[in-house]
Amino acid sequence: MRIVITILVVFIVGVAYSQPSQVAAEDVTLNLNERYKAMKSGSQTFKDYKVIKESVLDKVWKITTDSIQKKEAQLADAEKEIATLKNEVSSVNNSMTAQQASIKDVIYDSTHINVLGIPFSKGVFLMITAVLFGGMVFVLSVSMARVKMANSKVKEKTLIADSIGHEFEEFKKKSMEKQTKLSRELQNERNKWQEFRKA
């Protein structure tokens, strides 16, 4: 009988004090920790036990499982978003790597030149071209100087040859004149000799 009285007292006290624990199930502004504290503080204590209505427990449990499911859905969405972001980061990294490689190629192409299949840096190519051009100019100037010297020697020799030819012509002319003069003198002497022989 004592047990029945105790149960009735607990039931009556539980009904009397169940209203504050009902707040834990119905107040939507509370988080899970606050709901637990409200349910614990609003329920009746019997010895070391708490008397909580099953409907309150069911509602708090439903809210708890709904919260867990919501958090799990948010976690799944976050994981999907993380996976998407990782894919995007990987794609961007691959794109950046390709762009860096193409930039290196462009930089290499802008600083190098291929001549007969041999790659040269533009500075080295310009230096080699300048040296070759300078060498060609030097060889050309030396050749032109030699041609001028040869021309001047040819002119000098031509002048000498002309002078010698002129002198030879003068000598020839003088020789002819002397020969003619000598021939006349000889003829005169012959004529004199013949006249001398006739007389």
N, C-alpha and C. Protein backbone atom coordinates (compact mmCIF):
# COMPACT_ATOMS: atom_id res chain seq x y z
N MET A 1 0.81 -1.17 0.00
CA MET A 1 0.00 0.00 0.00
C MET A 1 0.87 1.25 0.00
N ARG A 2 1.92 1.14 0.69
CA ARG A 2 2.84 2.25 0.76
C ARG A 2 3.40 2.57 -0.61
N ILE A 3 3.63 1.56 -1.41
CA ILE A 3 4.18 1.73 -2.76
C ILE A 3 3.14 2.45 -3.62
N VAL A 4 1.90 2.08 -3.50
CA VAL A 4 0.86 2.71 -4.29
C VAL A 4 0.76 4.18 -3.93
N ILE A 5 0.85 4.48 -2.62
CA ILE A 5 0.77 5.87 -2.17
C ILE A 5 1.97 6.64 -2.74
N THR A 6 3.13 6.00 -2.70
CA THR A 6 4.34 6.67 -3.21
C THR A 6 4.20 6.96 -4.69
N ILE A 7 3.67 5.99 -5.44
CA ILE A 7 3.50 6.17 -6.88
C ILE A 7 2.51 7.29 -7.14
N LEU A 8 1.41 7.31 -6.34
CA LEU A 8 0.43 8.37 -6.52
C LEU A 8 1.01 9.73 -6.20
N VAL A 9 1.82 9.79 -5.16
CA VAL A 9 2.45 11.06 -4.80
C VAL A 9 3.38 11.51 -5.92
N VAL A 10 4.15 10.55 -6.42
CA VAL A 10 5.08 10.89 -7.51
C VAL A 10 4.30 11.34 -8.72
N PHE A 11 3.23 10.66 -9.04
CA PHE A 11 2.43 11.02 -10.20
C PHE A 11 1.85 12.42 -10.04
N ILE A 12 1.29 12.67 -8.85
CA ILE A 12 0.68 13.97 -8.59
C ILE A 12 1.73 15.07 -8.63
N VAL A 13 2.86 14.82 -7.99
CA VAL A 13 3.95 15.80 -7.98
C VAL A 13 4.47 15.98 -9.39
N GLY A 14 4.59 14.85 -10.15
CA GLY A 14 5.08 14.92 -11.54
C GLY A 14 4.16 15.74 -12.39
N VAL A 15 2.83 15.57 -12.19
CA VAL A 15 1.87 16.35 -12.97
C VAL A 15 1.98 17.80 -12.58
N ALA A 16 2.16 18.05 -11.26
CA ALA A 16 2.25 19.43 -10.79
C ALA A 16 3.49 20.12 -11.32
N TYR A 17 4.60 19.39 -11.40
CA TYR A 17 5.87 20.01 -11.80
C TYR A 17 6.25 19.70 -13.24
N SER A 18 5.38 19.14 -13.98
CA SER A 18 5.75 18.78 -15.36
C SER A 18 5.69 19.98 -16.29
N GLN A 19 5.02 21.03 -15.87
CA GLN A 19 4.91 22.20 -16.73
C GLN A 19 6.27 22.82 -17.03
N PRO A 20 7.17 23.06 -16.08
CA PRO A 20 8.47 23.65 -16.40
C PRO A 20 9.28 22.76 -17.33
N SER A 21 9.17 21.45 -17.18
CA SER A 21 9.93 20.58 -18.08
C SER A 21 9.34 20.60 -19.47
N GLN A 22 8.08 20.99 -19.61
CA GLN A 22 7.43 21.10 -20.92
C GLN A 22 8.10 22.21 -21.73
N VAL A 23 8.67 23.23 -21.07
CA VAL A 23 9.36 24.35 -21.72
C VAL A 23 10.51 23.80 -22.58
N ALA A 24 11.20 22.78 -22.09
CA ALA A 24 12.34 22.20 -22.81
C ALA A 24 11.91 21.65 -24.15
N ALA A 25 10.68 21.17 -24.27
CA ALA A 25 10.22 20.58 -25.53
C ALA A 25 9.60 21.61 -26.44
N GLU A 26 9.07 22.72 -25.91
CA GLU A 26 8.27 23.63 -26.73
C GLU A 26 8.95 24.95 -27.06
N ASP A 27 9.94 25.39 -26.28
CA ASP A 27 10.59 26.69 -26.55
C ASP A 27 11.61 26.51 -27.68
N VAL A 28 11.29 27.11 -28.83
CA VAL A 28 12.14 26.91 -30.02
C VAL A 28 13.41 27.76 -29.97
N THR A 29 13.49 28.69 -29.04
CA THR A 29 14.67 29.55 -28.97
C THR A 29 15.83 28.88 -28.24
N LEU A 30 15.55 27.76 -27.56
CA LEU A 30 16.60 27.09 -26.78
C LEU A 30 17.42 26.14 -27.65
N ASN A 31 18.72 26.06 -27.32
CA ASN A 31 19.55 25.06 -28.00
C ASN A 31 19.50 23.78 -27.20
N LEU A 32 20.18 22.72 -27.65
CA LEU A 32 20.08 21.41 -26.99
C LEU A 32 20.56 21.45 -25.55
N ASN A 33 21.63 22.14 -25.29
CA ASN A 33 22.18 22.21 -23.93
C ASN A 33 21.18 22.91 -23.01
N GLU A 34 20.60 24.01 -23.49
CA GLU A 34 19.61 24.73 -22.69
C GLU A 34 18.35 23.89 -22.50
N ARG A 35 17.94 23.13 -23.49
CA ARG A 35 16.76 22.25 -23.36
C ARG A 35 17.01 21.20 -22.27
N TYR A 36 18.24 20.63 -22.31
CA TYR A 36 18.57 19.60 -21.31
C TYR A 36 18.51 20.19 -19.90
N LYS A 37 19.07 21.38 -19.76
CA LYS A 37 19.07 22.01 -18.43
C LYS A 37 17.64 22.36 -17.99
N ALA A 38 16.83 22.86 -18.93
CA ALA A 38 15.43 23.20 -18.60
C ALA A 38 14.65 21.95 -18.24
N MET A 39 14.86 20.84 -18.99
CA MET A 39 14.17 19.59 -18.70
C MET A 39 14.60 19.05 -17.34
N LYS A 40 15.88 19.17 -17.03
CA LYS A 40 16.40 18.64 -15.76
C LYS A 40 15.91 19.48 -14.57
N SER A 41 16.01 20.79 -14.76
CA SER A 41 15.60 21.65 -13.63
C SER A 41 14.08 21.70 -13.47
N GLY A 42 13.34 21.49 -14.53
CA GLY A 42 11.88 21.57 -14.46
C GLY A 42 11.22 20.27 -14.06
N SER A 43 11.98 19.21 -13.91
CA SER A 43 11.37 17.93 -13.56
C SER A 43 11.47 17.70 -12.04
N GLN A 44 10.58 16.84 -11.53
CA GLN A 44 10.50 16.53 -10.08
C GLN A 44 11.59 15.52 -9.73
N THR A 45 12.14 15.69 -8.56
CA THR A 45 13.16 14.76 -8.08
C THR A 45 12.53 13.81 -7.09
N PHE A 46 12.81 12.53 -7.25
CA PHE A 46 12.36 11.51 -6.31
C PHE A 46 13.57 10.69 -5.95
N LYS A 47 14.01 10.86 -4.71
CA LYS A 47 15.26 10.29 -4.24
C LYS A 47 16.37 10.72 -5.19
N ASP A 48 17.07 9.79 -5.87
CA ASP A 48 18.13 10.15 -6.83
C ASP A 48 17.59 10.18 -8.26
N TYR A 49 16.31 10.09 -8.44
CA TYR A 49 15.72 9.99 -9.77
C TYR A 49 14.99 11.27 -10.13
N LYS A 50 14.91 11.49 -11.44
CA LYS A 50 14.14 12.62 -11.96
C LYS A 50 12.90 12.05 -12.63
N VAL A 51 11.76 12.70 -12.39
CA VAL A 51 10.51 12.26 -12.97
C VAL A 51 10.21 13.19 -14.15
N ILE A 52 10.30 12.62 -15.36
CA ILE A 52 10.07 13.40 -16.57
C ILE A 52 9.00 12.70 -17.37
N LYS A 53 8.07 13.48 -17.92
CA LYS A 53 7.01 12.90 -18.72
C LYS A 53 7.60 12.30 -19.99
N GLU A 54 7.04 11.20 -20.41
CA GLU A 54 7.51 10.54 -21.63
C GLU A 54 7.31 11.42 -22.84
N SER A 55 6.23 12.15 -22.87
CA SER A 55 5.96 13.02 -24.03
C SER A 55 7.04 14.08 -24.15
N VAL A 56 7.50 14.63 -22.98
CA VAL A 56 8.58 15.62 -22.99
C VAL A 56 9.86 14.97 -23.46
N LEU A 57 10.14 13.77 -22.93
CA LEU A 57 11.34 13.03 -23.35
C LEU A 57 11.29 12.75 -24.85
N ASP A 58 10.13 12.32 -25.34
CA ASP A 58 10.00 12.02 -26.77
C ASP A 58 10.23 13.26 -27.62
N LYS A 59 9.62 14.40 -27.18
CA LYS A 59 9.79 15.63 -27.95
C LYS A 59 11.25 16.10 -27.95
N VAL A 60 11.88 16.05 -26.77
CA VAL A 60 13.29 16.46 -26.68
C VAL A 60 14.16 15.51 -27.50
N TRP A 61 13.82 14.21 -27.44
CA TRP A 61 14.60 13.24 -28.24
C TRP A 61 14.42 13.51 -29.73
N LYS A 62 13.18 13.83 -30.16
CA LYS A 62 12.92 14.13 -31.57
C LYS A 62 13.68 15.39 -31.98
N ILE A 63 13.63 16.41 -31.12
CA ILE A 63 14.36 17.65 -31.42
C ILE A 63 15.86 17.35 -31.53
N THR A 64 16.35 16.51 -30.59
CA THR A 64 17.78 16.15 -30.60
C THR A 64 18.14 15.40 -31.87
N THR A 65 17.34 14.39 -32.25
CA THR A 65 17.66 13.64 -33.48
C THR A 65 17.51 14.52 -34.71
N ASP A 66 16.50 15.44 -34.69
CA ASP A 66 16.36 16.37 -35.81
C ASP A 66 17.59 17.27 -35.91
N SER A 67 18.05 17.74 -34.75
CA SER A 67 19.24 18.60 -34.74
C SER A 67 20.46 17.84 -35.25
N ILE A 68 20.58 16.57 -34.80
CA ILE A 68 21.72 15.75 -35.26
C ILE A 68 21.63 15.52 -36.76
N GLN A 69 20.40 15.19 -37.25
CA GLN A 69 20.24 14.98 -38.69
C GLN A 69 20.54 16.25 -39.47
N LYS A 70 20.09 17.40 -38.92
CA LYS A 70 20.35 18.68 -39.59
C LYS A 70 21.86 18.93 -39.64
N LYS A 71 22.53 18.69 -38.50
CA LYS A 71 23.99 18.88 -38.46
C LYS A 71 24.68 17.93 -39.43
N GLU A 72 24.19 16.67 -39.48
CA GLU A 72 24.78 15.71 -40.41
C GLU A 72 24.56 16.14 -41.85
N ALA A 73 23.37 16.67 -42.16
CA ALA A 73 23.10 17.17 -43.52
C ALA A 73 24.00 18.35 -43.83
N GLN A 74 24.14 19.27 -42.84
CA GLN A 74 25.03 20.41 -43.03
C GLN A 74 26.47 19.94 -43.23
N LEU A 75 26.87 18.91 -42.45
CA LEU A 75 28.21 18.35 -42.58
C LEU A 75 28.40 17.72 -43.95
N ALA A 76 27.38 16.99 -44.44
CA ALA A 76 27.46 16.38 -45.77
C ALA A 76 27.56 17.46 -46.85
N ASP A 77 26.71 18.52 -46.68
CA ASP A 77 26.78 19.63 -47.63
C ASP A 77 28.16 20.29 -47.59
N ALA A 78 28.66 20.47 -46.37
CA ALA A 78 29.99 21.08 -46.24
C ALA A 78 31.06 20.20 -46.88
N GLU A 79 30.93 18.87 -46.69
CA GLU A 79 31.91 17.96 -47.30
C GLU A 79 31.82 18.02 -48.82
N LYS A 80 30.57 18.10 -49.35
CA LYS A 80 30.41 18.23 -50.81
C LYS A 80 31.03 19.53 -51.30
N GLU A 81 30.76 20.61 -50.53
CA GLU A 81 31.33 21.90 -50.92
C GLU A 81 32.84 21.87 -50.84
N ILE A 82 33.37 21.20 -49.80
CA ILE A 82 34.84 21.07 -49.68
C ILE A 82 35.40 20.29 -50.86
N ALA A 83 34.72 19.19 -51.22
CA ALA A 83 35.17 18.39 -52.37
C ALA A 83 35.13 19.22 -53.65
N THR A 84 34.02 20.01 -53.82
CA THR A 84 33.91 20.88 -55.00
C THR A 84 35.03 21.91 -55.00
N LEU A 85 35.27 22.52 -53.83
CA LEU A 85 36.34 23.52 -53.73
C LEU A 85 37.70 22.90 -53.99
N LYS A 86 37.90 21.66 -53.49
CA LYS A 86 39.18 20.98 -53.76
C LYS A 86 39.36 20.75 -55.25
N ASN A 87 38.27 20.33 -55.91
CA ASN A 87 38.34 20.13 -57.37
C ASN A 87 38.65 21.45 -58.08
N GLU A 88 37.98 22.53 -57.62
CA GLU A 88 38.24 23.83 -58.23
C GLU A 88 39.68 24.27 -57.99
N VAL A 89 40.17 24.07 -56.76
CA VAL A 89 41.56 24.42 -56.44
C VAL A 89 42.52 23.61 -57.29
N SER A 90 42.22 22.31 -57.42
CA SER A 90 43.07 21.45 -58.26
C SER A 90 43.04 21.93 -59.71
N SER A 91 41.85 22.27 -60.19
CA SER A 91 41.72 22.77 -61.57
C SER A 91 42.48 24.08 -61.75
N VAL A 92 42.34 24.98 -60.76
CA VAL A 92 43.06 26.25 -60.82
C VAL A 92 44.56 26.02 -60.77
N ASN A 93 45.00 25.09 -59.90
CA ASN A 93 46.44 24.77 -59.83
C ASN A 93 46.94 24.23 -61.15
N ASN A 94 46.16 23.31 -61.77
CA ASN A 94 46.57 22.77 -63.08
C ASN A 94 46.61 23.88 -64.12
N SER A 95 45.60 24.75 -64.08
CA SER A 95 45.56 25.88 -65.02
C SER A 95 46.75 26.80 -64.81
N MET A 96 47.07 27.08 -63.54
CA MET A 96 48.21 27.94 -63.23
C MET A 96 49.51 27.30 -63.67
N THR A 97 49.63 25.97 -63.46
CA THR A 97 50.84 25.26 -63.89
C THR A 97 50.98 25.34 -65.40
N ALA A 98 49.87 25.15 -66.12
CA ALA A 98 49.91 25.25 -67.59
C ALA A 98 50.24 26.67 -68.02
N GLN A 99 49.66 27.66 -67.33
CA GLN A 99 49.94 29.05 -67.67
C GLN A 99 51.40 29.39 -67.39
N GLN A 100 51.94 28.90 -66.26
CA GLN A 100 53.34 29.16 -65.95
C GLN A 100 54.24 28.51 -66.99
N ALA A 101 53.88 27.29 -67.43
CA ALA A 101 54.68 26.63 -68.47
C ALA A 101 54.60 27.42 -69.76
N SER A 102 53.39 27.90 -70.12
CA SER A 102 53.28 28.67 -71.36
C SER A 102 53.99 30.01 -71.22
N ILE A 103 53.95 30.61 -70.02
CA ILE A 103 54.68 31.87 -69.80
C ILE A 103 56.18 31.63 -69.93
N LYS A 104 56.66 30.50 -69.38
CA LYS A 104 58.09 30.18 -69.52
C LYS A 104 58.43 30.00 -70.99
N ASP A 105 57.53 29.33 -71.74
CA ASP A 105 57.78 29.16 -73.18
C ASP A 105 57.81 30.50 -73.89
N VAL A 106 56.87 31.38 -73.54
CA VAL A 106 56.82 32.70 -74.18
C VAL A 106 58.08 33.50 -73.83
N ILE A 107 58.48 33.45 -72.56
CA ILE A 107 59.69 34.16 -72.14
C ILE A 107 60.90 33.59 -72.85
N TYR A 108 60.97 32.25 -72.95
CA TYR A 108 62.11 31.63 -73.64
C TYR A 108 62.10 32.04 -75.11
N ASP A 109 60.90 32.00 -75.73
CA ASP A 109 60.82 32.38 -77.15
C ASP A 109 61.15 33.85 -77.36
N SER A 110 60.82 34.70 -76.37
CA SER A 110 61.10 36.13 -76.54
C SER A 110 62.56 36.45 -76.29
N THR A 111 63.29 35.57 -75.60
CA THR A 111 64.70 35.84 -75.33
C THR A 111 65.64 34.98 -76.15
N HIS A 112 65.11 34.05 -76.96
CA HIS A 112 65.94 33.16 -77.76
C HIS A 112 65.50 33.18 -79.22
N ILE A 113 66.40 32.75 -80.08
CA ILE A 113 66.14 32.68 -81.51
C ILE A 113 66.79 31.42 -82.05
N ASN A 114 66.10 30.77 -82.99
CA ASN A 114 66.64 29.57 -83.62
C ASN A 114 67.23 29.94 -84.97
N VAL A 115 68.50 29.57 -85.16
CA VAL A 115 69.16 29.79 -86.44
C VAL A 115 69.71 28.44 -86.88
N LEU A 116 69.17 27.95 -87.98
CA LEU A 116 69.56 26.64 -88.51
C LEU A 116 69.35 25.54 -87.48
N GLY A 117 68.29 25.68 -86.68
CA GLY A 117 67.95 24.67 -85.70
C GLY A 117 68.76 24.77 -84.41
N ILE A 118 69.63 25.78 -84.30
CA ILE A 118 70.44 25.95 -83.09
C ILE A 118 69.87 27.11 -82.30
N PRO A 119 69.46 26.86 -81.04
CA PRO A 119 68.91 27.96 -80.25
C PRO A 119 70.02 28.87 -79.69
N PHE A 120 69.82 30.17 -79.87
CA PHE A 120 70.74 31.17 -79.32
C PHE A 120 69.92 32.15 -78.51
N SER A 121 70.52 32.68 -77.43
CA SER A 121 69.86 33.81 -76.77
C SER A 121 70.05 35.01 -77.67
N LYS A 122 69.09 35.93 -77.62
CA LYS A 122 69.13 37.06 -78.55
C LYS A 122 70.38 37.90 -78.35
N GLY A 123 70.82 38.04 -77.11
CA GLY A 123 72.04 38.82 -76.84
C GLY A 123 73.26 38.18 -77.50
N VAL A 124 73.38 36.85 -77.34
CA VAL A 124 74.51 36.13 -77.96
C VAL A 124 74.41 36.22 -79.48
N PHE A 125 73.17 36.06 -80.01
CA PHE A 125 73.00 36.14 -81.46
C PHE A 125 73.37 37.52 -81.98
N LEU A 126 72.94 38.57 -81.27
CA LEU A 126 73.29 39.92 -81.70
C LEU A 126 74.79 40.15 -81.63
N MET A 127 75.44 39.61 -80.57
CA MET A 127 76.88 39.77 -80.45
C MET A 127 77.60 39.05 -81.59
N ILE A 128 77.16 37.80 -81.89
CA ILE A 128 77.78 37.04 -82.99
C ILE A 128 77.55 37.77 -84.31
N THR A 129 76.32 38.27 -84.51
CA THR A 129 76.01 39.00 -85.75
C THR A 129 76.87 40.26 -85.84
N ALA A 130 77.01 40.98 -84.72
CA ALA A 130 77.82 42.21 -84.73
C ALA A 130 79.28 41.88 -85.04
N VAL A 131 79.80 40.79 -84.43
CA VAL A 131 81.19 40.39 -84.70
C VAL A 131 81.35 40.01 -86.16
N LEU A 132 80.39 39.21 -86.69
CA LEU A 132 80.49 38.82 -88.11
C LEU A 132 80.38 40.04 -89.02
N PHE A 133 79.45 40.95 -88.71
CA PHE A 133 79.30 42.15 -89.52
C PHE A 133 80.57 43.01 -89.45
N GLY A 134 81.11 43.15 -88.23
CA GLY A 134 82.36 43.90 -88.07
C GLY A 134 83.49 43.26 -88.84
N GLY A 135 83.57 41.91 -88.78
CA GLY A 135 84.60 41.19 -89.54
C GLY A 135 84.43 41.41 -91.03
N MET A 136 83.17 41.36 -91.49
CA MET A 136 82.92 41.57 -92.92
C MET A 136 83.29 42.99 -93.34
N VAL A 137 82.95 43.97 -92.48
CA VAL A 137 83.31 45.36 -92.78
C VAL A 137 84.82 45.52 -92.81
N PHE A 138 85.52 44.87 -91.87
CA PHE A 138 86.99 44.94 -91.82
C PHE A 138 87.58 44.32 -93.08
N VAL A 139 87.09 43.11 -93.44
CA VAL A 139 87.61 42.43 -94.64
C VAL A 139 87.31 43.28 -95.87
N LEU A 140 86.11 43.85 -95.95
CA LEU A 140 85.74 44.68 -97.09
C LEU A 140 86.62 45.93 -97.16
N SER A 141 86.85 46.55 -95.99
CA SER A 141 87.69 47.76 -96.00
C SER A 141 89.13 47.41 -96.36
N VAL A 142 89.65 46.28 -95.87
CA VAL A 142 91.01 45.85 -96.25
C VAL A 142 91.05 45.56 -97.74
N SER A 143 90.01 44.86 -98.25
CA SER A 143 89.97 44.55 -99.68
C SER A 143 89.91 45.83 -100.50
N MET A 144 89.07 46.80 -100.05
CA MET A 144 88.99 48.06 -100.80
C MET A 144 90.31 48.80 -100.75
N ALA A 145 90.99 48.77 -99.60
CA ALA A 145 92.30 49.42 -99.50
C ALA A 145 93.30 48.76 -100.44
N ARG A 146 93.24 47.42 -100.50
CA ARG A 146 94.15 46.72 -101.41
C ARG A 146 93.83 47.04 -102.86
N VAL A 147 92.51 47.11 -103.17
CA VAL A 147 92.12 47.45 -104.55
C VAL A 147 92.60 48.85 -104.90
N LYS A 148 92.44 49.79 -103.93
CA LYS A 148 92.93 51.16 -104.18
C LYS A 148 94.43 51.17 -104.38
N MET A 149 95.12 50.40 -103.50
CA MET A 149 96.58 50.34 -103.67
C MET A 149 96.94 49.73 -105.02
N ALA A 150 96.23 48.65 -105.38
CA ALA A 150 96.50 48.01 -106.67
C ALA A 150 96.19 48.97 -107.81
N ASN A 151 95.08 49.73 -107.69
CA ASN A 151 94.73 50.71 -108.72
C ASN A 151 95.79 51.79 -108.84
N SER A 152 96.23 52.27 -107.66
CA SER A 152 97.27 53.32 -107.71
C SER A 152 98.56 52.77 -108.29
N LYS A 153 98.89 51.50 -107.96
CA LYS A 153 100.10 50.90 -108.55
C LYS A 153 99.92 50.70 -110.05
N VAL A 154 98.69 50.27 -110.44
CA VAL A 154 98.43 50.09 -111.88
C VAL A 154 98.53 51.44 -112.58
N LYS A 155 97.95 52.50 -111.97
CA LYS A 155 98.04 53.83 -112.57
C LYS A 155 99.49 54.28 -112.66
N GLU A 156 100.20 54.01 -111.56
CA GLU A 156 101.62 54.40 -111.54
C GLU A 156 102.38 53.66 -112.63
N LYS A 157 102.14 52.36 -112.73
CA LYS A 157 102.83 51.56 -113.76
C LYS A 157 102.39 51.98 -115.15
N THR A 158 101.09 52.32 -115.28
CA THR A 158 100.60 52.81 -116.57
C THR A 158 101.28 54.11 -116.95
N LEU A 159 101.39 55.00 -115.93
CA LEU A 159 102.10 56.25 -116.18
C LEU A 159 103.55 56.00 -116.55
N ILE A 160 104.18 55.08 -115.83
CA ILE A 160 105.58 54.74 -116.13
C ILE A 160 105.67 54.14 -117.53
N ALA A 161 104.71 53.23 -117.83
CA ALA A 161 104.72 52.61 -119.16
C ALA A 161 104.48 53.67 -120.23
N ASP A 162 103.51 54.58 -119.95
CA ASP A 162 103.27 55.66 -120.91
C ASP A 162 104.50 56.54 -121.06
N SER A 163 105.12 56.84 -119.94
CA SER A 163 106.33 57.68 -119.97
C SER A 163 107.44 56.98 -120.75
N ILE A 164 107.60 55.65 -120.47
CA ILE A 164 108.64 54.89 -121.19
C ILE A 164 108.29 54.81 -122.66
N GLY A 165 106.99 54.59 -122.97
CA GLY A 165 106.54 54.55 -124.37
C GLY A 165 106.80 55.88 -125.05
N HIS A 166 106.48 56.97 -124.34
CA HIS A 166 106.70 58.30 -124.90
C HIS A 166 108.20 58.55 -125.12
N GLU A 167 108.98 58.17 -124.09
CA GLU A 167 110.43 58.33 -124.24
C GLU A 167 110.95 57.47 -125.40
N PHE A 168 110.38 56.25 -125.52
CA PHE A 168 110.82 55.37 -126.61
C PHE A 168 110.46 55.98 -127.97
N GLU A 169 109.21 56.55 -128.01
CA GLU A 169 108.79 57.20 -129.25
C GLU A 169 109.71 58.38 -129.57
N GLU A 170 110.03 59.14 -128.49
CA GLU A 170 110.96 60.27 -128.68
C GLU A 170 112.32 59.76 -129.15
N PHE A 171 112.77 58.69 -128.50
CA PHE A 171 114.07 58.10 -128.88
C PHE A 171 114.01 57.60 -130.32
N LYS A 172 112.91 56.94 -130.66
CA LYS A 172 112.73 56.43 -132.01
C LYS A 172 112.74 57.58 -133.03
N LYS A 173 111.97 58.63 -132.65
CA LYS A 173 111.88 59.77 -133.54
C LYS A 173 113.26 60.40 -133.72
N LYS A 174 113.96 60.58 -132.61
CA LYS A 174 115.29 61.16 -132.69
C LYS A 174 116.23 60.25 -133.47
N SER A 175 116.05 58.94 -133.21
CA SER A 175 116.90 57.98 -133.95
C SER A 175 116.62 58.06 -135.43
N MET A 176 115.33 58.17 -135.77
CA MET A 176 114.97 58.27 -137.19
C MET A 176 115.54 59.56 -137.79
N GLU A 177 115.41 60.62 -137.00
CA GLU A 177 115.94 61.88 -137.50
C GLU A 177 117.46 61.79 -137.68
N LYS A 178 118.12 61.16 -136.70
CA LYS A 178 119.57 60.99 -136.81
C LYS A 178 119.90 60.11 -137.99
N GLN A 179 119.11 59.04 -138.11
CA GLN A 179 119.37 58.12 -139.24
C GLN A 179 119.16 58.85 -140.57
N THR A 180 118.06 59.63 -140.62
CA THR A 180 117.79 60.39 -141.83
C THR A 180 118.93 61.39 -142.07
N LYS A 181 119.34 62.07 -141.02
CA LYS A 181 120.42 63.03 -141.12
C LYS A 181 121.70 62.34 -141.56
N LEU A 182 121.96 61.21 -140.95
CA LEU A 182 123.17 60.45 -141.31
C LEU A 182 123.07 59.94 -142.74
N SER A 183 121.85 59.49 -143.11
CA SER A 183 121.66 59.02 -144.49
C SER A 183 121.92 60.16 -145.46
N ARG A 184 121.46 61.35 -145.18
CA ARG A 184 121.69 62.49 -146.05
C ARG A 184 123.16 62.83 -146.11
N GLU A 185 123.73 62.84 -144.88
CA GLU A 185 125.16 63.15 -144.87
C GLU A 185 125.95 62.10 -145.64
N LEU A 186 125.52 60.85 -145.45
CA LEU A 186 126.21 59.77 -146.19
C LEU A 186 125.98 59.94 -147.69
N GLN A 187 124.75 60.29 -148.03
CA GLN A 187 124.43 60.50 -149.45
C GLN A 187 125.25 61.69 -150.00
N ASN A 188 125.32 62.72 -149.18
CA ASN A 188 126.11 63.87 -149.59
C ASN A 188 127.57 63.47 -149.76
N GLU A 189 128.04 62.72 -148.85
CA GLU A 189 129.43 62.28 -148.94
C GLU A 189 129.61 61.38 -150.16
N ARG A 190 128.65 60.56 -150.44
CA ARG A 190 128.72 59.68 -151.62
C ARG A 190 128.70 60.55 -152.89
N ASN A 191 127.76 61.50 -152.83
CA ASN A 191 127.70 62.37 -153.99
C ASN A 191 129.03 63.11 -154.17
N LYS A 192 129.59 63.59 -153.08
CA LYS A 192 130.88 64.26 -153.14
C LYS A 192 131.95 63.29 -153.63
N TRP A 193 131.91 62.14 -153.17
CA TRP A 193 132.89 61.12 -153.59
C TRP A 193 132.76 60.80 -155.06
N GLN A 194 131.51 60.70 -155.50
CA GLN A 194 131.31 60.42 -156.91
C GLN A 194 131.75 61.66 -157.73
N GLU A 195 131.49 62.80 -157.31
CA GLU A 195 131.95 63.98 -158.02
C GLU A 195 133.48 64.03 -157.96
N PHE A 196 134.01 63.68 -156.90
CA PHE A 196 135.46 63.67 -156.76
C PHE A 196 136.04 62.62 -157.69
N ARG A 197 135.43 61.53 -157.88
CA ARG A 197 135.92 60.46 -158.74
C ARG A 197 135.73 60.91 -160.20
N LYS A 198 134.70 61.61 -160.47
CA LYS A 198 134.49 62.06 -161.84
C LYS A 198 135.50 63.17 -162.17
N ALA A 199 135.90 63.93 -161.28
CA ALA A 199 136.80 65.01 -161.62
C ALA A 199 138.19 64.58 -161.65
